[in-house]
C-alpha atoms as a PDB file:
ATOM      1  CA  MET A   1       0.000   0.000   0.000  1.00  0.00           C
ATOM      2  CA  GLU A   2       2.928   2.346   0.554  1.00  0.00           C
ATOM      3  CA  TYR A   3       3.765   2.260  -3.160  1.00  0.00           C
ATOM      4  CA  LEU A   4       0.152   3.134  -3.947  1.00  0.00           C
ATOM      5  CA  GLU A   5       0.242   6.060  -1.515  1.00  0.00           C
ATOM      6  CA  VAL A   6       3.456   7.366  -3.078  1.00  0.00           C
ATOM      7  CA  ALA A   7       2.070   7.003  -6.610  1.00  0.00           C
ATOM      8  CA  LEU A   8      -1.084   9.004  -5.804  1.00  0.00           C
ATOM      9  CA  ALA A   9       0.922  11.700  -4.007  1.00  0.00           C
ATOM     10  CA  ASP A  10       3.513  11.966  -6.806  1.00  0.00           C
ATOM     11  CA  ALA A  11       0.723  12.389  -9.349  1.00  0.00           C
ATOM     12  CA  SER A  12      -1.002  14.991  -7.109  1.00  0.00           C
ATOM     13  CA  LEU A  13      -4.176  12.923  -7.287  1.00  0.00           C
ATOM     14  CA  GLY A  14      -4.834  12.484  -3.566  1.00  0.00           C
ATOM     15  CA  TYR A  15      -4.006   9.858  -0.971  1.00  0.00           C
ATOM     16  CA  VAL A  16      -5.018   6.457   0.371  1.00  0.00           C
ATOM     17  CA  ASP A  17      -7.042   6.944   3.530  1.00  0.00           C
ATOM     18  CA  GLY A  18      -7.119   3.246   4.343  1.00  0.00           C
ATOM     19  CA  SER A  19      -7.639  -0.275   3.126  1.00  0.00           C
ATOM     20  CA  ASP A  20      -8.851  -3.607   4.387  1.00  0.00           C
ATOM     21  CA  MET A  21      -9.384  -7.120   3.186  1.00  0.00           C
ATOM     22  CA  GLY A  22     -12.339  -9.250   4.123  1.00  0.00           C
ATOM     23  CA  LYS A  23     -15.034 -11.650   3.072  1.00  0.00           C
ATOM     24  CA  CYS A  24     -17.605 -10.558   0.530  1.00  0.00           C
ATOM     25  CA  ILE A  25     -21.106 -10.237   1.894  1.00  0.00           C
ATOM     26  CA  SER A  26     -22.610 -11.732  -1.268  1.00  0.00           C
ATOM     27  CA  ASP A  27     -20.274 -14.748  -1.218  1.00  0.00           C
ATOM     28  CA  PRO A  28     -18.524 -15.445   2.111  1.00  0.00           C
ATOM     29  CA  LYS A  29     -16.121 -17.832   0.367  1.00  0.00           C
ATOM     30  CA  LYS A  30     -14.594 -14.939  -1.593  1.00  0.00           C
ATOM     31  CA  TYR A  31     -12.477 -12.051  -0.398  1.00  0.00           C
ATOM     32  CA  ALA A  32     -12.194  -8.458  -1.553  1.00  0.00           C
ATOM     33  CA  LEU A  33      -9.555  -5.777  -1.075  1.00  0.00           C
ATOM     34  CA  ASN A  34     -11.203  -2.452  -0.245  1.00  0.00           C
ATOM     35  CA  ILE A  35      -9.252   0.728  -0.909  1.00  0.00           C
ATOM     36  CA  PHE A  36     -10.432   4.085   0.440  1.00  0.00           C
ATOM     37  CA  SER A  37      -8.973   7.108  -1.335  1.00  0.00           C
ATOM     38  CA  VAL A  38      -9.433  10.852  -1.091  1.00  0.00           C
ATOM     39  CA  VAL A  39      -8.933  12.075  -4.649  1.00  0.00           C
ATOM     40  CA  THR A  40      -8.730  15.220  -6.735  1.00  0.00           C
ATOM     41  CA  GLU A  41      -9.451  13.586 -10.114  1.00  0.00           C
ATOM     42  CA  GLU A  42     -11.624  10.508  -9.776  1.00  0.00           C
ATOM     43  CA  GLU A  43     -11.116   8.724 -13.123  1.00  0.00           C
ATOM     44  CA  GLN A  44      -7.354   9.319 -13.212  1.00  0.00           C
ATOM     45  CA  SER A  45      -6.990   8.181  -9.597  1.00  0.00           C
ATOM     46  CA  ILE A  46      -8.901   4.937 -10.136  1.00  0.00           C
ATOM     47  CA  ALA A  47      -6.876   4.163 -13.262  1.00  0.00           C
ATOM     48  CA  LEU A  48      -3.642   4.816 -11.346  1.00  0.00           C
ATOM     49  CA  VAL A  49      -4.690   2.597  -8.423  1.00  0.00           C
ATOM     50  CA  LYS A  50      -5.528  -0.277 -10.778  1.00  0.00           C
ATOM     51  CA  ARG A  51      -2.260   0.156 -12.694  1.00  0.00           C
ATOM     52  CA  VAL A  52      -0.117   0.266  -9.540  1.00  0.00           C
ATOM     53  CA  LEU A  53      -1.761  -2.862  -8.133  1.00  0.00           C
ATOM     54  CA  ARG A  54      -1.325  -4.698 -11.437  1.00  0.00           C
ATOM     55  CA  GLU A  55       2.319  -3.634 -11.790  1.00  0.00           C
ATOM     56  CA  SER A  56       3.008  -4.598  -8.173  1.00  0.00           C
ATOM     57  CA  ARG A  57       1.667  -8.066  -8.956  1.00  0.00           C
ATOM     58  CA  LEU A  58      -1.012  -7.731  -6.326  1.00  0.00           C
ATOM     59  CA  ASP A  59      -4.422  -9.287  -6.914  1.00  0.00           C
ATOM     60  CA  TYR A  60      -6.263  -6.407  -8.500  1.00  0.00           C
ATOM     61  CA  THR A  61      -9.036  -8.774  -9.609  1.00  0.00           C
ATOM     62  CA  ARG A  62     -10.717  -8.547  -6.187  1.00  0.00           C
ATOM     63  CA  ILE A  63     -10.578  -4.823  -5.504  1.00  0.00           C
ATOM     64  CA  LYS A  64     -13.228  -2.314  -4.623  1.00  0.00           C
ATOM     65  CA  ILE A  65     -12.263   1.334  -4.746  1.00  0.00           C
ATOM     66  CA  ALA A  66     -14.257   3.911  -2.834  1.00  0.00           C
ATOM     67  CA  THR A  67     -13.471   7.590  -3.171  1.00  0.00           C
ATOM     68  CA  MET A  68     -14.219  10.870  -1.461  1.00  0.00           C
ATOM     69  CA  PRO A  69     -13.600  14.245  -3.106  1.00  0.00           C
ATOM     70  CA  TYR A  70     -10.455  15.978  -1.872  1.00  0.00           C
ATOM     71  CA  GLY A  71     -11.149  18.803   0.559  1.00  0.00           C
ATOM     72  CA  LYS A  72     -14.686  17.688   1.386  1.00  0.00           C
ATOM     73  CA  GLU A  73     -15.911  15.698   4.365  1.00  0.00           C
ATOM     74  CA  GLU A  74     -18.361  13.436   2.595  1.00  0.00           C
ATOM     75  CA  ALA A  75     -19.071   9.736   2.776  1.00  0.00           C
ATOM     76  CA  TYR A  76     -17.018   7.342   0.687  1.00  0.00           C
ATOM     77  CA  THR A  77     -18.744   6.215  -2.495  1.00  0.00           C
ATOM     78  CA  LEU A  78     -18.008   2.967  -4.314  1.00  0.00           C
ATOM     79  CA  LYS A  79     -16.590   3.950  -7.701  1.00  0.00           C
ATOM     80  CA  TYR A  80     -15.013   0.725  -8.948  1.00  0.00           C
ATOM     81  CA  ALA A  81     -15.643  -2.946  -8.202  1.00  0.00           C
ATOM     82  CA  TYR A  82     -13.867  -6.012  -9.514  1.00  0.00           C
ATOM     83  CA  LYS A  83     -17.121  -7.384 -10.892  1.00  0.00           C
ATOM     84  CA  LYS A  84     -19.904  -5.595 -12.751  1.00  0.00           C
ATOM     85  CA  GLY A  85     -23.075  -5.307 -10.761  1.00  0.00           C
ATOM     86  CA  VAL A  86     -21.316  -5.174  -7.380  1.00  0.00           C
ATOM     87  CA  THR A  87     -22.854  -2.310  -5.466  1.00  0.00           C
ATOM     88  CA  GLU A  88     -22.421  -3.465  -1.880  1.00  0.00           C
ATOM     89  CA  PHE A  89     -19.957  -1.435   0.049  1.00  0.00           C
ATOM     90  CA  SER A  90     -19.718  -0.528   3.696  1.00  0.00           C
ATOM     91  CA  LEU A  91     -17.170   0.789   6.144  1.00  0.00           C
END
């Protein structure tokens, strides 16, 4: 995760506020990696996160990325999920 934090900071796109890994609610036999980011440019940030995970040889096929706009105290919103149709996301 440190490499991901550095990549977002170097690109001036925001920062990783946290991450966790746990069982999926829809299928308890599967796991997901949740990444919480505060971002300035949503699409660019998500693309960078996916690229960094892929290049780091981490399992990017099970990620969920939730973002919050930089400078605003709002709730995190799920913006990318490893599988189409996945809308479940909670802190």
